[in-house]
Amino acid sequence: GAMTRRYFIEALRDRLGGLRNRRQASLLLIDLDHFKQLNDTFGHQFGDLALAHLVGETQRIFEDGVIGRLGGDEFGVMVPHGDVAVINK
């Protein structure tokens, strides 16, 4: 699953500290459009499943990434190697 905002920020600090002199990294911000409407129409249980699917697919694509939920429909992903080909998926 995704980390909470607090743990995501702590993980970013740890990972970025280790990358300081070695490599680049990328930070992606994901904001889901119309997520409230999805919850209101299909229910919170369906919304939770949609979020779990998003996190699972994001973890599959960015295997080395750190994923955190920043807010209700906002997620952050830190990709340590910053591989542009992977990010463009």
N, C-alpha and C. Protein backbone atom coordinates (compact mmCIF):
# COMPACT_ATOMS: atom_id res chain seq x y z
N GLY A 1 0.81 -1.19 0.00
CA GLY A 1 0.00 0.00 0.00
C GLY A 1 0.86 1.26 0.00
N ALA A 2 0.19 2.35 -0.06
CA ALA A 2 0.87 3.65 -0.06
C ALA A 2 1.15 4.09 1.36
N MET A 3 2.24 4.79 1.53
CA MET A 3 2.59 5.36 2.83
C MET A 3 1.68 6.55 3.13
N THR A 4 1.57 6.87 4.40
CA THR A 4 0.89 8.11 4.76
C THR A 4 1.79 9.28 4.39
N ARG A 5 1.22 10.46 4.40
CA ARG A 5 1.98 11.67 4.04
C ARG A 5 3.23 11.81 4.90
N ARG A 6 3.07 11.61 6.19
CA ARG A 6 4.20 11.77 7.13
C ARG A 6 5.34 10.80 6.80
N TYR A 7 5.00 9.53 6.64
CA TYR A 7 6.04 8.53 6.36
C TYR A 7 6.63 8.72 4.97
N PHE A 8 5.81 9.19 4.02
CA PHE A 8 6.31 9.46 2.67
C PHE A 8 7.37 10.56 2.72
N ILE A 9 7.11 11.63 3.45
CA ILE A 9 8.07 12.73 3.56
C ILE A 9 9.35 12.26 4.25
N GLU A 10 9.21 11.44 5.30
CA GLU A 10 10.40 10.89 5.97
C GLU A 10 11.21 10.01 5.01
N ALA A 11 10.51 9.18 4.23
CA ALA A 11 11.20 8.31 3.27
C ALA A 11 11.90 9.14 2.20
N LEU A 12 11.26 10.22 1.76
CA LEU A 12 11.90 11.11 0.78
C LEU A 12 13.19 11.68 1.34
N ARG A 13 13.14 12.15 2.57
CA ARG A 13 14.35 12.71 3.19
C ARG A 13 15.47 11.67 3.24
N ASP A 14 15.12 10.47 3.66
CA ASP A 14 16.12 9.40 3.75
C ASP A 14 16.71 9.07 2.38
N ARG A 15 15.85 8.87 1.41
CA ARG A 15 16.32 8.50 0.07
C ARG A 15 17.10 9.63 -0.59
N LEU A 16 16.61 10.85 -0.47
CA LEU A 16 17.30 11.98 -1.10
C LEU A 16 18.65 12.23 -0.45
N GLY A 17 18.74 12.00 0.85
CA GLY A 17 20.03 12.14 1.53
C GLY A 17 21.04 11.16 0.98
N GLY A 18 20.62 9.95 0.66
CA GLY A 18 21.51 8.95 0.09
C GLY A 18 21.87 9.22 -1.36
N LEU A 19 21.08 10.03 -2.04
CA LEU A 19 21.32 10.31 -3.46
C LEU A 19 22.14 11.57 -3.69
N ARG A 20 22.39 12.32 -2.65
CA ARG A 20 22.98 13.65 -2.78
C ARG A 20 24.12 13.76 -3.78
N ASN A 21 25.06 12.87 -3.72
CA ASN A 21 26.23 12.99 -4.59
C ASN A 21 26.31 11.91 -5.66
N ARG A 22 25.27 11.13 -5.80
CA ARG A 22 25.39 9.99 -6.71
C ARG A 22 24.52 10.07 -7.96
N ARG A 23 23.24 10.20 -7.78
CA ARG A 23 22.35 10.07 -8.94
C ARG A 23 21.22 11.08 -8.87
N GLN A 24 20.48 11.09 -9.95
CA GLN A 24 19.30 11.94 -9.99
C GLN A 24 18.09 11.15 -9.50
N ALA A 25 17.03 11.86 -9.22
CA ALA A 25 15.77 11.25 -8.83
C ALA A 25 14.65 12.10 -9.41
N SER A 26 13.48 11.50 -9.52
CA SER A 26 12.31 12.23 -10.00
C SER A 26 11.21 12.14 -8.97
N LEU A 27 10.46 13.21 -8.84
CA LEU A 27 9.30 13.25 -7.95
C LEU A 27 8.08 13.49 -8.81
N LEU A 28 7.15 12.55 -8.76
CA LEU A 28 5.91 12.65 -9.53
C LEU A 28 4.76 12.95 -8.57
N LEU A 29 3.88 13.82 -8.97
CA LEU A 29 2.67 14.11 -8.20
C LEU A 29 1.48 13.66 -9.02
N ILE A 30 0.62 12.86 -8.42
CA ILE A 30 -0.57 12.34 -9.08
C ILE A 30 -1.79 12.92 -8.38
N ASP A 31 -2.63 13.59 -9.13
CA ASP A 31 -3.88 14.16 -8.60
C ASP A 31 -5.02 13.56 -9.41
N LEU A 32 -5.87 12.79 -8.76
CA LEU A 32 -6.95 12.10 -9.46
C LEU A 32 -8.12 13.06 -9.68
N ASP A 33 -8.45 13.29 -10.92
CA ASP A 33 -9.59 14.14 -11.24
C ASP A 33 -10.89 13.38 -10.99
N HIS A 34 -11.88 14.06 -10.48
CA HIS A 34 -13.24 13.53 -10.28
C HIS A 34 -13.31 12.36 -9.31
N PHE A 35 -12.34 12.25 -8.40
CA PHE A 35 -12.37 11.13 -7.45
C PHE A 35 -13.55 11.25 -6.49
N LYS A 36 -13.88 12.46 -6.05
CA LYS A 36 -15.02 12.66 -5.16
C LYS A 36 -16.31 12.20 -5.84
N GLN A 37 -16.44 12.51 -7.11
CA GLN A 37 -17.62 12.08 -7.86
C GLN A 37 -17.70 10.56 -7.93
N LEU A 38 -16.57 9.90 -8.11
CA LEU A 38 -16.51 8.44 -8.13
C LEU A 38 -16.99 7.89 -6.79
N ASN A 39 -16.49 8.46 -5.70
CA ASN A 39 -16.90 8.03 -4.36
C ASN A 39 -18.39 8.26 -4.14
N ASP A 40 -18.87 9.43 -4.53
CA ASP A 40 -20.28 9.77 -4.32
C ASP A 40 -21.21 8.89 -5.16
N THR A 41 -20.77 8.52 -6.35
CA THR A 41 -21.61 7.73 -7.26
C THR A 41 -21.60 6.25 -6.91
N PHE A 42 -20.42 5.70 -6.65
CA PHE A 42 -20.29 4.25 -6.47
C PHE A 42 -20.02 3.82 -5.04
N GLY A 43 -19.78 4.77 -4.14
CA GLY A 43 -19.54 4.45 -2.74
C GLY A 43 -18.06 4.42 -2.38
N HIS A 44 -17.81 4.59 -1.09
CA HIS A 44 -16.43 4.66 -0.61
C HIS A 44 -15.69 3.34 -0.75
N GLN A 45 -16.42 2.25 -0.65
CA GLN A 45 -15.77 0.94 -0.80
C GLN A 45 -15.19 0.80 -2.22
N PHE A 46 -15.95 1.24 -3.22
CA PHE A 46 -15.45 1.21 -4.60
C PHE A 46 -14.27 2.16 -4.76
N GLY A 47 -14.38 3.35 -4.15
CA GLY A 47 -13.28 4.32 -4.20
C GLY A 47 -12.01 3.76 -3.60
N ASP A 48 -12.15 3.04 -2.48
CA ASP A 48 -10.98 2.41 -1.85
C ASP A 48 -10.34 1.38 -2.77
N LEU A 49 -11.18 0.60 -3.46
CA LEU A 49 -10.65 -0.38 -4.41
C LEU A 49 -9.92 0.30 -5.57
N ALA A 50 -10.48 1.41 -6.04
CA ALA A 50 -9.83 2.16 -7.13
C ALA A 50 -8.47 2.69 -6.68
N LEU A 51 -8.40 3.21 -5.45
CA LEU A 51 -7.12 3.71 -4.93
C LEU A 51 -6.11 2.57 -4.78
N ALA A 52 -6.58 1.43 -4.27
CA ALA A 52 -5.69 0.28 -4.11
C ALA A 52 -5.16 -0.17 -5.48
N HIS A 53 -6.01 -0.14 -6.49
CA HIS A 53 -5.58 -0.51 -7.85
C HIS A 53 -4.54 0.48 -8.37
N LEU A 54 -4.78 1.77 -8.16
CA LEU A 54 -3.82 2.79 -8.58
C LEU A 54 -2.46 2.57 -7.93
N VAL A 55 -2.47 2.33 -6.63
CA VAL A 55 -1.21 2.13 -5.90
C VAL A 55 -0.52 0.86 -6.40
N GLY A 56 -1.27 -0.21 -6.60
CA GLY A 56 -0.68 -1.46 -7.09
C GLY A 56 -0.04 -1.30 -8.45
N GLU A 57 -0.72 -0.63 -9.36
CA GLU A 57 -0.16 -0.40 -10.70
C GLU A 57 1.05 0.52 -10.64
N THR A 58 0.99 1.52 -9.79
CA THR A 58 2.12 2.45 -9.65
C THR A 58 3.33 1.70 -9.10
N GLN A 59 3.11 0.83 -8.12
CA GLN A 59 4.21 0.03 -7.58
C GLN A 59 4.78 -0.92 -8.62
N ARG A 60 3.92 -1.45 -9.47
CA ARG A 60 4.38 -2.37 -10.53
C ARG A 60 5.27 -1.62 -11.53
N ILE A 61 4.88 -0.41 -11.88
CA ILE A 61 5.64 0.37 -12.86
C ILE A 61 6.94 0.90 -12.26
N PHE A 62 6.84 1.44 -11.06
CA PHE A 62 8.01 2.05 -10.40
C PHE A 62 8.45 1.16 -9.25
N GLU A 63 9.08 0.04 -9.57
CA GLU A 63 9.44 -0.96 -8.57
C GLU A 63 10.30 -0.39 -7.46
N ASP A 64 11.19 0.53 -7.78
CA ASP A 64 12.08 1.12 -6.78
C ASP A 64 11.52 2.40 -6.19
N GLY A 65 10.32 2.76 -6.59
CA GLY A 65 9.74 4.02 -6.16
C GLY A 65 9.18 3.98 -4.74
N VAL A 66 9.07 5.14 -4.16
CA VAL A 66 8.43 5.31 -2.86
C VAL A 66 7.10 6.00 -3.14
N ILE A 67 5.99 5.39 -2.71
CA ILE A 67 4.66 5.92 -3.01
C ILE A 67 3.98 6.32 -1.72
N GLY A 68 3.42 7.53 -1.72
CA GLY A 68 2.72 8.00 -0.53
C GLY A 68 1.45 8.73 -0.89
N ARG A 69 0.46 8.58 -0.03
CA ARG A 69 -0.80 9.32 -0.21
C ARG A 69 -0.64 10.66 0.50
N LEU A 70 -0.74 11.74 -0.27
CA LEU A 70 -0.53 13.07 0.28
C LEU A 70 -1.83 13.69 0.76
N GLY A 71 -2.93 13.32 0.16
CA GLY A 71 -4.24 13.83 0.52
C GLY A 71 -5.28 12.85 0.02
N GLY A 72 -6.54 13.23 0.04
CA GLY A 72 -7.61 12.34 -0.37
C GLY A 72 -7.43 11.74 -1.75
N ASP A 73 -7.07 12.57 -2.72
CA ASP A 73 -6.91 12.08 -4.09
C ASP A 73 -5.55 12.46 -4.68
N GLU A 74 -4.59 12.70 -3.81
CA GLU A 74 -3.25 13.11 -4.26
C GLU A 74 -2.20 12.13 -3.75
N PHE A 75 -1.32 11.74 -4.67
CA PHE A 75 -0.25 10.81 -4.35
C PHE A 75 1.08 11.37 -4.84
N GLY A 76 2.14 10.98 -4.17
CA GLY A 76 3.49 11.32 -4.60
C GLY A 76 4.26 10.05 -4.85
N VAL A 77 5.13 10.09 -5.84
CA VAL A 77 6.00 8.95 -6.16
C VAL A 77 7.40 9.49 -6.35
N MET A 78 8.35 8.97 -5.57
CA MET A 78 9.75 9.35 -5.74
C MET A 78 10.45 8.17 -6.41
N VAL A 79 11.00 8.44 -7.58
CA VAL A 79 11.71 7.41 -8.35
C VAL A 79 13.19 7.72 -8.23
N PRO A 80 13.97 6.86 -7.53
CA PRO A 80 15.35 7.19 -7.22
C PRO A 80 16.27 7.35 -8.42
N HIS A 81 16.08 6.57 -9.45
CA HIS A 81 17.01 6.65 -10.57
C HIS A 81 16.57 7.63 -11.64
N GLY A 82 15.35 8.10 -11.58
CA GLY A 82 14.87 9.09 -12.53
C GLY A 82 14.89 8.63 -13.97
N ASP A 83 14.66 7.35 -14.22
CA ASP A 83 14.67 6.80 -15.57
C ASP A 83 13.50 7.36 -16.38
N VAL A 84 13.79 8.21 -17.32
CA VAL A 84 12.75 8.91 -18.09
C VAL A 84 11.87 7.92 -18.85
N ALA A 85 12.42 6.86 -19.38
CA ALA A 85 11.63 5.87 -20.12
C ALA A 85 10.58 5.23 -19.22
N VAL A 86 10.96 4.92 -17.99
CA VAL A 86 10.02 4.32 -17.04
C VAL A 86 8.98 5.35 -16.62
N ILE A 87 9.40 6.56 -16.37
CA ILE A 87 8.48 7.61 -15.93
C ILE A 87 7.45 7.91 -17.00
N ASN A 88 7.82 7.86 -18.26
CA ASN A 88 6.89 8.16 -19.34
C ASN A 88 5.85 7.07 -19.57
N LYS A 89 6.00 5.90 -18.93
CA LYS A 89 4.99 4.85 -19.04
C LYS A 89 3.70 5.40 -18.49
